[in-house]
Amino acid sequence: MKNKNAHKYLVFGMLFFVMLLFSCKKDKLKEPELAELKLKDRVYIGSSDNNFYALNATNGNLIWKYTAKDFSYSDPIVVGETVYAGSIDGNMYAFDAINGSVKWKFFTSAVGIESSPAVSDGIIYFGSNNGSFYALNATTGELKWKMETSQNVSSSPVVANNIVYFGSSNGIMYAAGAKTGDLIWSYQTGGMINQSSPALSNGVIFIGSRDGHLYALNANNGSLKWKYSTKGISLEQSSPVVDSGTVYVGGWYDVNDFSVAGSLLALDEVTGILKWESLKGVGVGGSPSVLNGLLYVSADDGYFYTFNALTGVELWSKNILPNGAGAAGADGLVFVGAGGHKDIYAYDARTGDVKWRNSDISGISTSTPCLVDSRGVIVHR
């Protein structure tokens, strides 16, 4: 019996040792994830001063910058230790997020890139002003596929369930196979889809058009669920955002009469019925963002606004001439570029108190910054 028990304990011991070795190997496989912890408290943003910036999120100090051409339109995105950003020089850049070195760049055409990239399953997606939509290997920059449209693609993509959704200035909303680029469906709106980018929520795609309508489309087949009319106010500039059953979008101007300006709208996600409206007659070319029950948006009167997202009550505003700049928030702060002042600001998200202001930037920054918070969590549009 003793010999049998000794043998049994020996087997258990060997099994435990093998499991321990296997556990160590699994930990080693996670090293690339742990490397991401090098990225904390960072703000990435592009500017019209021909620089792309990485700043310290706690004090605004410059970490690195890269000089090429205007980076102010395309919103950057961080994946792992790589930050991707499009430039008016026509290149999509992949930077080392830690030190700013260029990993690769992919040239589309001299007319530039305004579309913001999306990354999913190792593929980066974006449009170009040359009328093409691209899918590249996110690690190498190698072209996987591209789709031609008849006009510039300034709209930014959304990827879900192996489908990529994007709009074109030809007024068409596209859904294509994310791996193949094969067209799944398309929907023709009555006007240009410019900077407005699709939002996806509960199987529905929301997109704005110059024709004065916000469209809600079935994400599987492109059929119309509802559309909301602004009575001629263009929705081509502001990208809708969906939060807690509400779709928020900014109305720009009546492009046939620029003396008629739009407003900030909050619509029921299911029905398209108006819940509340604010900034009437101001004109809202910026895309709203919602964080912890607060809605942030840049308006055409030169102010950056904060609202109670549920009620539409204004909480605070700042006259920084944001020129449609997008905002992103983390660690109790909200970050936004001040187009007219040529700075970037970090505000207390609830009070609007200035935490810091960076004046290294000498150009307009209208793109939405991408953040890495104090825990290493990536926050973007």
Foldseek 3Di string as FASTA:
>chain_A
DVVVVVVVVVVVVVVVVVVVVVVVVVVVVCVLVVVLLLAAQWWWFWFQVQKTFIARNQAGHGQDIDGDGGQQQAEWFDDRQWIWTWHLCQKIFTARNRRGHTQDIDGDDNRTAREYWDDDPQWIWGWAQVQKIFIARNRRRHTQDMDGDPGGFNAYWDDDPQWIWGFAQQQKIFIARNRHRHTQEIDHDPGGQHHAYWDDDPQWIWTWGQQQKIFTARNRYRHTQDIDGPPQFGQNQEYWDDDPQKIWGWTAANVVDRQAAAWIFIAGNRPRHTDDTDPGRFGFRAYWDDDPQKIWGDTQVQKIWIARNNRRHTQDIDRLRLVRAYWWDDPQWIWTWRAVLQWIFIARNRRRHTSYIDNPGDHHRRYYMWTQHRSSDTTTD
